[in-house]
């Protein structure tokens, strides 16, 4: 049985509502008719160094509360004052009303206070489950409705009185709601486990780089019988050298272009936004149509480095140029480091060895590196090129492992979005008790 008829009429067993087509066994109600709510849009309480955790709008991410962003506290006295209208309990659903609008999470521990721009909903147990409500408020259906009723030219927001009137579509049977929420929670658990595994793999890679790139750990077949010596970059094997980057490669200046050179087509100009987590990314691209000198054209194996940026922490981030972007140019706020040892040196740029030198050169105010700065940075370099290749290969394999996990996580998140669209609108039903399988 298909969801829609060829003539555009409603499918048998479905009805049209303000949230779209839903099964006849479902209903829609304004949020304030299927929940009890408390609006904390008043003044944010005074903060203290410790006490009761204060959850602000910026702590509420899409689906969870991130306490690491900014852990703030209020006193027990303040807590008692602002909670007179109802204490948040574990499982209550939070939604932000602005900056950012529409982020949703559930309260995940007892004794938390809520700041302004956060509304707490607790589902009416006779009609609705909290876990189902959380996923519904996160769904594309509700987020679209929320956006349609928001206001503001730059920072979108919504009044509590309007938000409370927005509709929720849900199965009348709370047991079906439970099955939907459980299915989505299970896939959330899978995503969370992948997050933890990726974090663990990244930490292992960082520790491995620290060992391999300084020679503290030698790979099999290298360094037998060799001792160590003290250098400017620390203790390194006696058959390694402490070398400036300028001695084993060169740095190139990027392309300067004007707004009139920017087109919807032409040559891709690689910029800071094209480097994400040590890899090339292409979600924010700029193309130019102009005569380009050969010095601004990238080659396979080049290291693309961010050398100028408003954000200090982005200085030094880099990516290795692969064959797929050969023929592209790179922008003026970037530098290109070219060396026959680039596969090995790329990982030196990711290590704290070069990052420490970057921090020393930049000083307190200037967020930029010059090509002269890059040329004097020193690294520990094995004299044996086979050892360089072996180290780069080990780290590259670790990168490939992490990339595969990230791809699996992205695919799982896409599957979750599809499941939410299907399950939270009743297009797909979980069990035969409520309808025929479709």
Foldseek 3Di string as FASTA:
>chain_A
DAQADPVRDGDPQWDQDPLGIFGPQKDKFQQVVFWPKDAQQDAFDDWDPDAFWEQEPVQQAAEAGNCVVDTIHDHPVVQCVSQPVHFADFLWKKAFFWPAHQRIYTDHDGRHHYHRRIMTIQGDVQAEGSLLVRLQSSAPSNVVVSVVQWDDDPITGHDPVVNRGDMAMDRRDHVLSVVLSVVLVVLVVVLVVLVVVLVVLVVVLQVLLVCQQQVVDADPPPDVPWDWDQDPLGIHTPQKDKAFLLVFWAKFAFDDDDPVFWDPDAAWADELVLFDPQAGDDPDITHGDDDDDPRFFDDALKKKFQFADPDLVRHLRIYGDHPVRGRHGYHRRIMIIDGPLSLLVSSVSVHVLVVVLQDVVCPDDGRGDDRVSRRGRIGIGRPDVVSSVVSSVVSVVSVVVSVVSVVVSVVSVVVSSVSSVCSSRVVAGDDPVVHDGD
